[in-house]
């Protein structure tokens, strides 16, 4: 076994640490880029209030709800996530109902794939 001095050991450990840091940094950049692409894909899913007259494939219902704040933006984000997981490129017949003394907002629609 080859002997390395204290200086060699310190340099080796320092190099391994810096390589690990560089890998972790590039991994974080990659994950951040993937998250940005995912957010962009979600924002591109349109939400229509009425039934569409164009050909489409119905994929299933999507629902979202928000307690206390009743923010439609948060509910639309939930619904877009569900639709994206189903492979939809649009949501139609979007409507909301207030429940429980107007502290719970629940919205529904249908995930569709436009042809």
PDB file of N, CA and C in Angstrom:
ATOM      1  N   UNK A   1       0.840  -1.168   0.000  1.00  0.00           N
ATOM      2  CA  UNK A   1       0.000   0.000   0.000  1.00  0.00           C
ATOM      3  C   UNK A   1       0.888   1.234   0.000  1.00  0.00           C
ATOM      4  N   UNK A   2       0.519   2.182  -0.796  1.00  0.00           N
ATOM      5  CA  UNK A   2       1.319   3.377  -0.953  1.00  0.00           C
ATOM      6  C   UNK A   2       1.037   4.333   0.196  1.00  0.00           C
ATOM      7  N   UNK A   3       2.106   4.879   0.758  1.00  0.00           N
ATOM      8  CA  UNK A   3       1.956   5.844   1.840  1.00  0.00           C
ATOM      9  C   UNK A   3       1.823   7.231   1.258  1.00  0.00           C
ATOM     10  N   UNK A   4       0.846   7.980   1.780  1.00  0.00           N
ATOM     11  CA  UNK A   4       0.737   9.385   1.400  1.00  0.00           C
ATOM     12  C   UNK A   4       0.864  10.193   2.672  1.00  0.00           C
ATOM     13  N   UNK A   5       1.468  11.325   2.547  1.00  0.00           N
ATOM     14  CA  UNK A   5       1.685  12.170   3.709  1.00  0.00           C
ATOM     15  C   UNK A   5       0.412  12.900   4.111  1.00  0.00           C
ATOM     16  N   UNK A   6       0.533  13.656   5.168  1.00  0.00           N
ATOM     17  CA  UNK A   6      -0.596  14.426   5.688  1.00  0.00           C
ATOM     18  C   UNK A   6      -1.063  15.441   4.658  1.00  0.00           C
ATOM     19  N   UNK A   7      -0.124  16.065   3.980  1.00  0.00           N
ATOM     20  CA  UNK A   7      -0.483  17.063   2.974  1.00  0.00           C
ATOM     21  C   UNK A   7      -1.241  16.397   1.823  1.00  0.00           C
ATOM     22  N   UNK A   8      -0.772  15.234   1.411  1.00  0.00           N
ATOM     23  CA  UNK A   8      -1.453  14.499   0.344  1.00  0.00           C
ATOM     24  C   UNK A   8      -2.860  14.100   0.750  1.00  0.00           C
ATOM     25  N   UNK A   9      -3.017  13.684   2.011  1.00  0.00           N
ATOM     26  CA  UNK A   9      -4.338  13.302   2.510  1.00  0.00           C
ATOM     27  C   UNK A   9      -5.277  14.497   2.540  1.00  0.00           C
ATOM     28  N   UNK A  10      -4.788  15.632   2.996  1.00  0.00           N
ATOM     29  CA  UNK A  10      -5.605  16.848   3.049  1.00  0.00           C
ATOM     30  C   UNK A  10      -6.010  17.274   1.641  1.00  0.00           C
ATOM     31  N   UNK A  11      -5.072  17.216   0.694  1.00  0.00           N
ATOM     32  CA  UNK A  11      -5.390  17.589  -0.684  1.00  0.00           C
ATOM     33  C   UNK A  11      -6.406  16.632  -1.295  1.00  0.00           C
ATOM     34  N   UNK A  12      -6.250  15.335  -1.016  1.00  0.00           N
ATOM     35  CA  UNK A  12      -7.193  14.350  -1.545  1.00  0.00           C
ATOM     36  C   UNK A  12      -8.587  14.575  -0.982  1.00  0.00           C
ATOM     37  N   UNK A  13      -8.695  14.784   0.323  1.00  0.00           N
ATOM     38  CA  UNK A  13     -10.002  15.021   0.941  1.00  0.00           C
ATOM     39  C   UNK A  13     -10.606  16.331   0.457  1.00  0.00           C
ATOM     40  N   UNK A  14      -9.771  17.341   0.284  1.00  0.00           N
ATOM     41  CA  UNK A  14     -10.266  18.629  -0.218  1.00  0.00           C
ATOM     42  C   UNK A  14     -10.796  18.513  -1.636  1.00  0.00           C
ATOM     43  N   UNK A  15     -10.098  17.741  -2.471  1.00  0.00           N
ATOM     44  CA  UNK A  15     -10.542  17.540  -3.847  1.00  0.00           C
ATOM     45  C   UNK A  15     -11.856  16.772  -3.877  1.00  0.00           C
ATOM     46  N   UNK A  16     -11.991  15.744  -3.043  1.00  0.00           N
ATOM     47  CA  UNK A  16     -13.237  14.978  -2.989  1.00  0.00           C
ATOM     48  C   UNK A  16     -14.393  15.853  -2.516  1.00  0.00           C
ATOM     49  N   UNK A  17     -14.136  16.703  -1.544  1.00  0.00           N
ATOM     50  CA  UNK A  17     -15.175  17.594  -1.037  1.00  0.00           C
ATOM     51  C   UNK A  17     -15.617  18.580  -2.104  1.00  0.00           C
ATOM     52  N   UNK A  18     -14.651  19.153  -2.830  1.00  0.00           N
ATOM     53  CA  UNK A  18     -15.017  20.124  -3.861  1.00  0.00           C
ATOM     54  C   UNK A  18     -15.748  19.443  -5.017  1.00  0.00           C
ATOM     55  N   UNK A  19     -15.378  18.207  -5.352  1.00  0.00           N
ATOM     56  CA  UNK A  19     -16.097  17.479  -6.397  1.00  0.00           C
ATOM     57  C   UNK A  19     -17.522  17.162  -5.961  1.00  0.00           C
ATOM     58  N   UNK A  20     -17.689  16.785  -4.705  1.00  0.00           N
ATOM     59  CA  UNK A  20     -19.030  16.514  -4.188  1.00  0.00           C
ATOM     60  C   UNK A  20     -19.871  17.784  -4.197  1.00  0.00           C
ATOM     61  N   UNK A  21     -19.264  18.905  -3.848  1.00  0.00           N
ATOM     62  CA  UNK A  21     -19.990  20.181  -3.862  1.00  0.00           C
ATOM     63  C   UNK A  21     -20.397  20.550  -5.284  1.00  0.00           C
ATOM     64  N   UNK A  22     -19.482  20.339  -6.241  1.00  0.00           N
ATOM     65  CA  UNK A  22     -19.783  20.662  -7.637  1.00  0.00           C
ATOM     66  C   UNK A  22     -20.921  19.790  -8.153  1.00  0.00           C
ATOM     67  N   UNK A  23     -20.915  18.497  -7.811  1.00  0.00           N
ATOM     68  CA  UNK A  23     -21.992  17.601  -8.227  1.00  0.00           C
ATOM     69  C   UNK A  23     -23.312  18.037  -7.610  1.00  0.00           C
ATOM     70  N   UNK A  24     -23.305  18.380  -6.332  1.00  0.00           N
ATOM     71  CA  UNK A  24     -24.524  18.812  -5.650  1.00  0.00           C
ATOM     72  C   UNK A  24     -25.058  20.100  -6.269  1.00  0.00           C
ATOM     73  N   UNK A  25     -24.180  21.010  -6.617  1.00  0.00           N
ATOM     74  CA  UNK A  25     -24.592  22.277  -7.225  1.00  0.00           C
ATOM     75  C   UNK A  25     -25.227  22.046  -8.593  1.00  0.00           C
ATOM     76  N   UNK A  26     -24.596  21.193  -9.427  1.00  0.00           N
ATOM     77  CA  UNK A  26     -25.170  20.922 -10.748  1.00  0.00           C
ATOM     78  C   UNK A  26     -26.480  20.159 -10.630  1.00  0.00           C
ATOM     79  N   UNK A  27     -26.602  19.299  -9.630  1.00  0.00           N
ATOM     80  CA  UNK A  27     -27.850  18.573  -9.407  1.00  0.00           C
ATOM     81  C   UNK A  27     -28.967  19.542  -9.024  1.00  0.00           C
ATOM     82  N   UNK A  28     -28.651  20.528  -8.182  1.00  0.00           N
ATOM     83  CA  UNK A  28     -29.654  21.525  -7.795  1.00  0.00           C
ATOM     84  C   UNK A  28     -30.076  22.363  -8.990  1.00  0.00           C
ATOM     85  N   UNK A  29     -29.128  22.713  -9.853  1.00  0.00           N
ATOM     86  CA  UNK A  29     -29.460  23.468 -11.061  1.00  0.00           C
ATOM     87  C   UNK A  29     -30.380  22.663 -11.975  1.00  0.00           C
ATOM     88  N   UNK A  30     -30.090  21.373 -12.110  1.00  0.00           N
ATOM     89  CA  UNK A  30     -30.915  20.509 -12.956  1.00  0.00           C
ATOM     90  C   UNK A  30     -32.328  20.394 -12.403  1.00  0.00           C
ATOM     91  N   UNK A  31     -32.451  20.205 -11.085  1.00  0.00           N
ATOM     92  CA  UNK A  31     -33.770  20.104 -10.457  1.00  0.00           C
ATOM     93  C   UNK A  31     -34.545  21.407 -10.575  1.00  0.00           C
ATOM     94  N   UNK A  32     -33.849  22.533 -10.453  1.00  0.00           N
ATOM     95  CA  UNK A  32     -34.508  23.833 -10.591  1.00  0.00           C
ATOM     96  C   UNK A  32     -35.025  24.020 -12.008  1.00  0.00           C
ATOM     97  N   UNK A  33     -34.235  23.616 -12.993  1.00  0.00           N
ATOM     98  CA  UNK A  33     -34.649  23.730 -14.394  1.00  0.00           C
ATOM     99  C   UNK A  33     -35.858  22.838 -14.667  1.00  0.00           C
ATOM    100  N   UNK A  34     -35.863  21.613 -14.131  1.00  0.00           N
ATOM    101  CA  UNK A  34     -36.999  20.710 -14.307  1.00  0.00           C
ATOM    102  C   UNK A  34     -38.257  21.285 -13.669  1.00  0.00           C
ATOM    103  N   UNK A  35     -38.126  21.908 -12.507  1.00  0.00           N
ATOM    104  CA  UNK A  35     -39.277  22.515 -11.839  1.00  0.00           C
ATOM    105  C   UNK A  35     -39.824  23.684 -12.650  1.00  0.00           C
ATOM    106  N   UNK A  36     -38.948  24.476 -13.251  1.00  0.00           N
ATOM    107  CA  UNK A  36     -39.394  25.597 -14.082  1.00  0.00           C
ATOM    108  C   UNK A  36     -40.142  25.104 -15.315  1.00  0.00           C
ATOM    109  N   UNK A  37     -39.653  24.032 -15.927  1.00  0.00           N
ATOM    110  CA  UNK A  37     -40.325  23.467 -17.101  1.00  0.00           C
ATOM    111  C   UNK A  37     -41.701  22.940 -16.711  1.00  0.00           C
ATOM    112  N   UNK A  38     -41.792  22.261 -15.567  1.00  0.00           N
ATOM    113  CA  UNK A  38     -43.071  21.729 -15.085  1.00  0.00           C
ATOM    114  C   UNK A  38     -44.061  22.862 -14.816  1.00  0.00           C
ATOM    115  N   UNK A  39     -43.610  23.935 -14.169  1.00  0.00           N
ATOM    116  CA  UNK A  39     -44.484  25.080 -13.891  1.00  0.00           C
ATOM    117  C   UNK A  39     -44.977  25.713 -15.191  1.00  0.00           C
ATOM    118  N   UNK A  40     -44.120  25.791 -16.189  1.00  0.00           N
ATOM    119  CA  UNK A  40     -44.513  26.346 -17.482  1.00  0.00           C
ATOM    120  C   UNK A  40     -45.560  25.468 -18.150  1.00  0.00           C
ATOM    121  N   UNK A  41     -45.389  24.148 -18.071  1.00  0.00           N
ATOM    122  CA  UNK A  41     -46.369  23.230 -18.650  1.00  0.00           C
ATOM    123  C   UNK A  41     -47.722  23.373 -17.965  1.00  0.00           C
ATOM    124  N   UNK A  42     -47.724  23.553 -16.647  1.00  0.00           N
ATOM    125  CA  UNK A  42     -48.990  23.710 -15.928  1.00  0.00           C
ATOM    126  C   UNK A  42     -49.698  25.000 -16.323  1.00  0.00           C
ATOM    127  N   UNK A  43     -48.940  26.077 -16.477  1.00  0.00           N
ATOM    128  CA  UNK A  43     -49.549  27.362 -16.835  1.00  0.00           C
ATOM    129  C   UNK A  43     -50.152  27.343 -18.232  1.00  0.00           C
ATOM    130  N   UNK A  44     -49.666  26.455 -19.094  1.00  0.00           N
ATOM    131  CA  UNK A  44     -50.158  26.394 -20.464  1.00  0.00           C
ATOM    132  C   UNK A  44     -51.489  25.654 -20.594  1.00  0.00           C
ATOM    133  N   UNK A  45     -51.956  24.975 -19.549  1.00  0.00           N
ATOM    134  CA  UNK A  45     -53.236  24.260 -19.613  1.00  0.00           C
ATOM    135  C   UNK A  45     -54.366  25.269 -19.453  1.00  0.00           C
ATOM    136  N   UNK A  46     -55.165  25.483 -20.513  1.00  0.00           N
ATOM    137  CA  UNK A  46     -56.257  26.456 -20.405  1.00  0.00           C
ATOM    138  C   UNK A  46     -57.446  25.883 -19.641  1.00  0.00           C
ATOM    139  N   UNK A  47     -58.209  26.772 -19.020  1.00  0.00           N
ATOM    140  CA  UNK A  47     -59.413  26.385 -18.290  1.00  0.00           C
ATOM    141  C   UNK A  47     -60.589  27.111 -18.928  1.00  0.00           C
ATOM    142  N   UNK A  48     -61.571  26.333 -19.393  1.00  0.00           N
ATOM    143  CA  UNK A  48     -62.762  26.891 -20.026  1.00  0.00           C
ATOM    144  C   UNK A  48     -63.967  26.702 -19.112  1.00  0.00           C
ATOM    145  N   UNK A  49     -64.812  27.706 -19.026  1.00  0.00           N
ATOM    146  CA  UNK A  49     -66.004  27.634 -18.188  1.00  0.00           C
ATOM    147  C   UNK A  49     -67.150  26.882 -18.859  1.00  0.00           C
ATOM    148  N   UNK A  50     -67.175  26.841 -20.167  1.00  0.00           N
ATOM    149  CA  UNK A  50     -68.286  26.220 -20.876  1.00  0.00           C
ATOM    150  C   UNK A  50     -67.841  24.917 -21.538  1.00  0.00           C
ATOM    151  N   UNK A  51     -68.832  24.186 -22.053  1.00  0.00           N
ATOM    152  CA  UNK A  51     -68.537  22.963 -22.787  1.00  0.00           C
ATOM    153  C   UNK A  51     -68.038  23.351 -24.172  1.00  0.00           C
ATOM    154  N   UNK A  52     -67.011  22.695 -24.640  1.00  0.00           N
ATOM    155  CA  UNK A  52     -66.407  23.037 -25.927  1.00  0.00           C
ATOM    156  C   UNK A  52     -67.088  22.278 -27.065  1.00  0.00           C
ATOM    157  N   UNK A  53     -67.127  22.902 -28.230  1.00  0.00           N
ATOM    158  CA  UNK A  53     -67.742  22.293 -29.405  1.00  0.00           C
ATOM    159  C   UNK A  53     -66.719  21.645 -30.331  1.00  0.00           C
ATOM    160  N   UNK A  54     -65.485  21.618 -29.949  1.00  0.00           N
ATOM    161  CA  UNK A  54     -64.437  21.002 -30.768  1.00  0.00           C
ATOM    162  C   UNK A  54     -64.279  19.538 -30.356  1.00  0.00           C
ATOM    163  N   UNK A  55     -63.714  18.695 -31.224  1.00  0.00           N
ATOM    164  CA  UNK A  55     -63.525  17.292 -30.847  1.00  0.00           C
ATOM    165  C   UNK A  55     -62.516  17.152 -29.699  1.00  0.00           C
ATOM    166  N   UNK A  56     -62.858  16.327 -28.726  1.00  0.00           N
ATOM    167  CA  UNK A  56     -61.989  16.116 -27.570  1.00  0.00           C
ATOM    168  C   UNK A  56     -62.213  14.721 -27.004  1.00  0.00           C
ATOM    169  N   UNK A  57     -61.302  14.296 -26.157  1.00  0.00           N
ATOM    170  CA  UNK A  57     -61.419  13.041 -25.430  1.00  0.00           C
ATOM    171  C   UNK A  57     -61.530  13.373 -23.952  1.00  0.00           C
ATOM    172  N   UNK A  58     -62.578  12.877 -23.306  1.00  0.00           N
ATOM    173  CA  UNK A  58     -62.794  13.126 -21.881  1.00  0.00           C
ATOM    174  C   UNK A  58     -61.909  12.180 -21.072  1.00  0.00           C
ATOM    175  N   UNK A  59     -61.087  12.727 -20.188  1.00  0.00           N
ATOM    176  CA  UNK A  59     -60.163  11.916 -19.392  1.00  0.00           C
ATOM    177  C   UNK A  59     -60.652  11.684 -17.968  1.00  0.00           C
ATOM    178  N   UNK A  60     -61.494  12.561 -17.450  1.00  0.00           N
ATOM    179  CA  UNK A  60     -62.029  12.382 -16.110  1.00  0.00           C
ATOM    180  C   UNK A  60     -62.213  13.695 -15.382  1.00  0.00           C
ATOM    181  N   UNK A  61     -62.891  13.631 -14.242  1.00  0.00           N
ATOM    182  CA  UNK A  61     -63.125  14.859 -13.471  1.00  0.00           C
ATOM    183  C   UNK A  61     -61.885  15.276 -12.685  1.00  0.00           C
ATOM    184  N   UNK A  62     -61.756  16.572 -12.491  1.00  0.00           N
ATOM    185  CA  UNK A  62     -60.700  17.123 -11.641  1.00  0.00           C
ATOM    186  C   UNK A  62     -61.355  18.050 -10.628  1.00  0.00           C
ATOM    187  N   UNK A  63     -60.858  18.017  -9.404  1.00  0.00           N
ATOM    188  CA  UNK A  63     -61.424  18.837  -8.335  1.00  0.00           C
ATOM    189  C   UNK A  63     -60.303  19.518  -7.567  1.00  0.00           C
ATOM    190  N   UNK A  64     -60.639  20.668  -7.023  1.00  0.00           N
ATOM    191  CA  UNK A  64     -59.712  21.387  -6.163  1.00  0.00           C
ATOM    192  C   UNK A  64     -60.492  22.134  -5.111  1.00  0.00           C
ATOM    193  N   UNK A  65     -59.895  22.329  -3.951  1.00  0.00           N
ATOM    194  CA  UNK A  65     -60.575  23.085  -2.903  1.00  0.00           C
ATOM    195  C   UNK A  65     -59.567  23.843  -2.065  1.00  0.00           C
ATOM    196  N   UNK A  66     -60.043  24.911  -1.443  1.00  0.00           N
ATOM    197  CA  UNK A  66     -59.192  25.753  -0.616  1.00  0.00           C
ATOM    198  C   UNK A  66     -59.984  26.154   0.611  1.00  0.00           C
ATOM    199  N   UNK A  67     -59.422  25.954   1.771  1.00  0.00           N
ATOM    200  CA  UNK A  67     -60.095  26.247   3.031  1.00  0.00           C
ATOM    201  C   UNK A  67     -59.676  27.624   3.525  1.00  0.00           C
ATOM    202  N   UNK A  68     -60.589  28.383   4.013  1.00  0.00           N
ATOM    203  CA  UNK A  68     -60.398  29.681   4.659  1.00  0.00           C
ATOM    204  C   UNK A  68     -60.067  30.830   3.702  1.00  0.00           C
ATOM    205  N   UNK A  69     -59.112  30.661   2.802  1.00  0.00           N
ATOM    206  CA  UNK A  69     -58.707  31.800   1.979  1.00  0.00           C
ATOM    207  C   UNK A  69     -59.546  31.949   0.720  1.00  0.00           C
ATOM    208  N   UNK A  70     -60.101  30.879   0.222  1.00  0.00           N
ATOM    209  CA  UNK A  70     -60.906  30.839  -1.011  1.00  0.00           C
ATOM    210  C   UNK A  70     -60.204  31.525  -2.185  1.00  0.00           C
ATOM    211  N   UNK A  71     -58.968  31.165  -2.417  1.00  0.00           N
ATOM    212  CA  UNK A  71     -58.209  31.714  -3.541  1.00  0.00           C
ATOM    213  C   UNK A  71     -58.368  30.794  -4.750  1.00  0.00           C
ATOM    214  N   UNK A  72     -58.905  31.333  -5.823  1.00  0.00           N
ATOM    215  CA  UNK A  72     -59.115  30.526  -7.021  1.00  0.00           C
ATOM    216  C   UNK A  72     -57.800  30.144  -7.683  1.00  0.00           C
ATOM    217  N   UNK A  73     -56.775  30.943  -7.552  1.00  0.00           N
ATOM    218  CA  UNK A  73     -55.489  30.631  -8.187  1.00  0.00           C
ATOM    219  C   UNK A  73     -54.906  29.333  -7.625  1.00  0.00           C
ATOM    220  N   UNK A  74     -55.018  29.132  -6.317  1.00  0.00           N
ATOM    221  CA  UNK A  74     -54.511  27.905  -5.697  1.00  0.00           C
ATOM    222  C   UNK A  74     -55.326  26.698  -6.148  1.00  0.00           C
ATOM    223  N   UNK A  75     -56.622  26.887  -6.283  1.00  0.00           N
ATOM    224  CA  UNK A  75     -57.488  25.790  -6.714  1.00  0.00           C
ATOM    225  C   UNK A  75     -57.205  25.435  -8.170  1.00  0.00           C
ATOM    226  N   UNK A  76     -57.026  26.438  -9.006  1.00  0.00           N
ATOM    227  CA  UNK A  76     -56.714  26.188 -10.416  1.00  0.00           C
ATOM    228  C   UNK A  76     -55.378  25.466 -10.559  1.00  0.00           C
ATOM    229  N   UNK A  77     -54.416  25.790  -9.702  1.00  0.00           N
ATOM    230  CA  UNK A  77     -53.126  25.108  -9.725  1.00  0.00           C
ATOM    231  C   UNK A  77     -53.314  23.626  -9.397  1.00  0.00           C
ATOM    232  N   UNK A  78     -54.139  23.318  -8.364  1.00  0.00           N
ATOM    233  CA  UNK A  78     -54.413  21.924  -8.002  1.00  0.00           C
ATOM    234  C   UNK A  78     -55.059  21.182  -9.172  1.00  0.00           C
ATOM    235  N   UNK A  79     -56.022  21.833  -9.805  1.00  0.00           N
ATOM    236  CA  UNK A  79     -56.730  21.192 -10.910  1.00  0.00           C
ATOM    237  C   UNK A  79     -55.814  20.991 -12.115  1.00  0.00           C
ATOM    238  N   UNK A  80     -54.951  21.949 -12.377  1.00  0.00           N
ATOM    239  CA  UNK A  80     -54.011  21.807 -13.497  1.00  0.00           C
ATOM    240  C   UNK A  80     -53.022  20.676 -13.234  1.00  0.00           C
ATOM    241  N   UNK A  81     -52.593  20.509 -11.979  1.00  0.00           N
ATOM    242  CA  UNK A  81     -51.702  19.398 -11.638  1.00  0.00           C
ATOM    243  C   UNK A  81     -52.381  18.061 -11.899  1.00  0.00           C
ATOM    244  N   UNK A  82     -53.638  17.924 -11.472  1.00  0.00           N
ATOM    245  CA  UNK A  82     -54.372  16.680 -11.698  1.00  0.00           C
ATOM    246  C   UNK A  82     -54.550  16.417 -13.191  1.00  0.00           C
ATOM    247  N   UNK A  83     -54.906  17.455 -13.933  1.00  0.00           N
ATOM    248  CA  UNK A  83     -55.101  17.301 -15.376  1.00  0.00           C
ATOM    249  C   UNK A  83     -53.790  16.931 -16.068  1.00  0.00           C
ATOM    250  N   UNK A  84     -52.695  17.525 -15.640  1.00  0.00           N
ATOM    251  CA  UNK A  84     -51.380  17.219 -16.226  1.00  0.00           C
ATOM    252  C   UNK A  84     -51.009  15.766 -15.975  1.00  0.00           C
ATOM    253  N   UNK A  85     -51.321  15.250 -14.791  1.00  0.00           N
ATOM    254  CA  UNK A  85     -51.034  13.854 -14.476  1.00  0.00           C
ATOM    255  C   UNK A  85     -51.861  12.908 -15.340  1.00  0.00           C
ATOM    256  N   UNK A  86     -53.062  13.337 -15.745  1.00  0.00           N
ATOM    257  CA  UNK A  86     -53.913  12.520 -16.613  1.00  0.00           C
ATOM    258  C   UNK A  86     -53.498  12.624 -18.081  1.00  0.00           C
ATOM    259  N   UNK A  87     -52.663  13.590 -18.406  1.00  0.00           N
ATOM    260  CA  UNK A  87     -52.233  13.793 -19.779  1.00  0.00           C
ATOM    261  C   UNK A  87     -53.140  14.731 -20.555  1.00  0.00           C
ATOM    262  N   UNK A  88     -53.904  15.551 -19.854  1.00  0.00           N
ATOM    263  CA  UNK A  88     -54.834  16.478 -20.496  1.00  0.00           C
ATOM    264  C   UNK A  88     -54.108  17.721 -20.975  1.00  0.00           C
ATOM    265  N   UNK A  89     -54.716  18.380 -21.966  1.00  0.00           N
ATOM    266  CA  UNK A  89     -54.170  19.654 -22.405  1.00  0.00           C
ATOM    267  C   UNK A  89     -55.187  20.778 -22.253  1.00  0.00           C
ATOM    268  N   UNK A  90     -56.319  20.512 -21.560  1.00  0.00           N
ATOM    269  CA  UNK A  90     -57.314  21.549 -21.271  1.00  0.00           C
ATOM    270  C   UNK A  90     -58.265  21.053 -20.182  1.00  0.00           C
ATOM    271  N   UNK A  91     -58.968  22.012 -19.576  1.00  0.00           N
ATOM    272  CA  UNK A  91     -60.012  21.712 -18.590  1.00  0.00           C
ATOM    273  C   UNK A  91     -61.258  22.457 -19.044  1.00  0.00           C
ATOM    274  N   UNK A  92     -62.409  21.754 -19.044  1.00  0.00           N
ATOM    275  CA  UNK A  92     -63.643  22.423 -19.463  1.00  0.00           C
ATOM    276  C   UNK A  92     -64.714  22.302 -18.381  1.00  0.00           C
ATOM    277  N   UNK A  93     -65.765  23.086 -18.518  1.00  0.00           N
ATOM    278  CA  UNK A  93     -66.900  23.148 -17.596  1.00  0.00           C
ATOM    279  C   UNK A  93     -66.434  23.440 -16.167  1.00  0.00           C
ATOM    280  N   UNK A  94     -65.561  24.421 -16.034  1.00  0.00           N
ATOM    281  CA  UNK A  94     -65.038  24.840 -14.732  1.00  0.00           C
ATOM    282  C   UNK A  94     -66.109  25.635 -13.990  1.00  0.00           C
ATOM    283  N   UNK A  95     -66.396  25.242 -12.748  1.00  0.00           N
ATOM    284  CA  UNK A  95     -67.311  26.006 -11.900  1.00  0.00           C
ATOM    285  C   UNK A  95     -66.926  25.800 -10.436  1.00  0.00           C
ATOM    286  N   UNK A  96     -67.304  26.754  -9.590  1.00  0.00           N
ATOM    287  CA  UNK A  96     -66.966  26.719  -8.166  1.00  0.00           C
ATOM    288  C   UNK A  96     -68.229  26.838  -7.321  1.00  0.00           C
ATOM    289  N   UNK A  97     -68.186  26.222  -6.147  1.00  0.00           N
ATOM    290  CA  UNK A  97     -69.272  26.300  -5.173  1.00  0.00           C
ATOM    291  C   UNK A  97     -68.680  26.643  -3.817  1.00  0.00           C
ATOM    292  N   UNK A  98     -69.340  27.545  -3.098  1.00  0.00           N
ATOM    293  CA  UNK A  98     -68.912  27.865  -1.736  1.00  0.00           C
ATOM    294  C   UNK A  98     -69.687  26.969  -0.771  1.00  0.00           C
ATOM    295  N   UNK A  99     -68.972  26.362   0.156  1.00  0.00           N
ATOM    296  CA  UNK A  99     -69.555  25.433   1.121  1.00  0.00           C
ATOM    297  C   UNK A  99     -69.216  25.885   2.533  1.00  0.00           C
ATOM    298  N   UNK A 100     -69.895  25.354   3.518  1.00  0.00           N
ATOM    299  CA  UNK A 100     -69.601  25.573   4.939  1.00  0.00           C
ATOM    300  C   UNK A 100     -69.451  27.053   5.295  1.00  0.00           C
ATOM    301  N   UNK A 101     -70.517  27.780   5.184  1.00  0.00           N
ATOM    302  CA  UNK A 101     -70.535  29.206   5.551  1.00  0.00           C
ATOM    303  C   UNK A 101     -69.501  30.028   4.789  1.00  0.00           C
ATOM    304  N   UNK A 102     -69.318  29.708   3.558  1.00  0.00           N
ATOM    305  CA  UNK A 102     -68.429  30.445   2.650  1.00  0.00           C
ATOM    306  C   UNK A 102     -66.955  30.440   3.069  1.00  0.00           C
ATOM    307  N   UNK A 103     -66.541  29.448   3.845  1.00  0.00           N
ATOM    308  CA  UNK A 103     -65.119  29.352   4.192  1.00  0.00           C
ATOM    309  C   UNK A 103     -64.413  28.272   3.384  1.00  0.00           C
ATOM    310  N   UNK A 104     -65.154  27.480   2.638  1.00  0.00           N
ATOM    311  CA  UNK A 104     -64.563  26.422   1.818  1.00  0.00           C
ATOM    312  C   UNK A 104     -65.015  26.632   0.380  1.00  0.00           C
ATOM    313  N   UNK A 105     -64.072  26.788  -0.503  1.00  0.00           N
ATOM    314  CA  UNK A 105     -64.366  26.955  -1.919  1.00  0.00           C
ATOM    315  C   UNK A 105     -63.946  25.688  -2.636  1.00  0.00           C
ATOM    316  N   UNK A 106     -64.882  25.062  -3.334  1.00  0.00           N
ATOM    317  CA  UNK A 106     -64.603  23.828  -4.053  1.00  0.00           C
ATOM    318  C   UNK A 106     -64.922  24.037  -5.529  1.00  0.00           C
ATOM    319  N   UNK A 107     -63.986  23.682  -6.386  1.00  0.00           N
ATOM    320  CA  UNK A 107     -64.166  23.852  -7.829  1.00  0.00           C
ATOM    321  C   UNK A 107     -64.028  22.502  -8.521  1.00  0.00           C
ATOM    322  N   UNK A 108     -64.749  22.361  -9.626  1.00  0.00           N
ATOM    323  CA  UNK A 108     -64.737  21.117 -10.383  1.00  0.00           C
ATOM    324  C   UNK A 108     -64.662  21.417 -11.873  1.00  0.00           C
ATOM    325  N   UNK A 109     -64.268  20.424 -12.610  1.00  0.00           N
ATOM    326  CA  UNK A 109     -64.219  20.518 -14.062  1.00  0.00           C
ATOM    327  C   UNK A 109     -63.865  19.153 -14.626  1.00  0.00           C
ATOM    328  N   UNK A 110     -63.679  19.092 -15.933  1.00  0.00           N
ATOM    329  CA  UNK A 110     -63.324  17.842 -16.590  1.00  0.00           C
ATOM    330  C   UNK A 110     -62.019  18.020 -17.346  1.00  0.00           C
ATOM    331  N   UNK A 111     -61.114  17.075 -17.141  1.00  0.00           N
ATOM    332  CA  UNK A 111     -59.852  17.078 -17.877  1.00  0.00           C
ATOM    333  C   UNK A 111     -60.114  16.487 -19.255  1.00  0.00           C
ATOM    334  N   UNK A 112     -59.675  17.194 -20.287  1.00  0.00           N
ATOM    335  CA  UNK A 112     -59.893  16.730 -21.651  1.00  0.00           C
ATOM    336  C   UNK A 112     -58.600  16.819 -22.446  1.00  0.00           C
ATOM    337  N   UNK A 113     -58.563  16.026 -23.502  1.00  0.00           N
ATOM    338  CA  UNK A 113     -57.450  16.100 -24.452  1.00  0.00           C
ATOM    339  C   UNK A 113     -58.033  16.556 -25.773  1.00  0.00           C
ATOM    340  N   UNK A 114     -57.692  17.765 -26.201  1.00  0.00           N
ATOM    341  CA  UNK A 114     -58.202  18.313 -27.455  1.00  0.00           C
ATOM    342  C   UNK A 114     -57.541  17.615 -28.634  1.00  0.00           C
ATOM    343  N   UNK A 115     -58.325  17.329 -29.655  1.00  0.00           N
ATOM    344  CA  UNK A 115     -57.790  16.653 -30.850  1.00  0.00           C
ATOM    345  C   UNK A 115     -57.427  17.654 -31.906  1.00  0.00           C
TER     346      UNK A 115
END
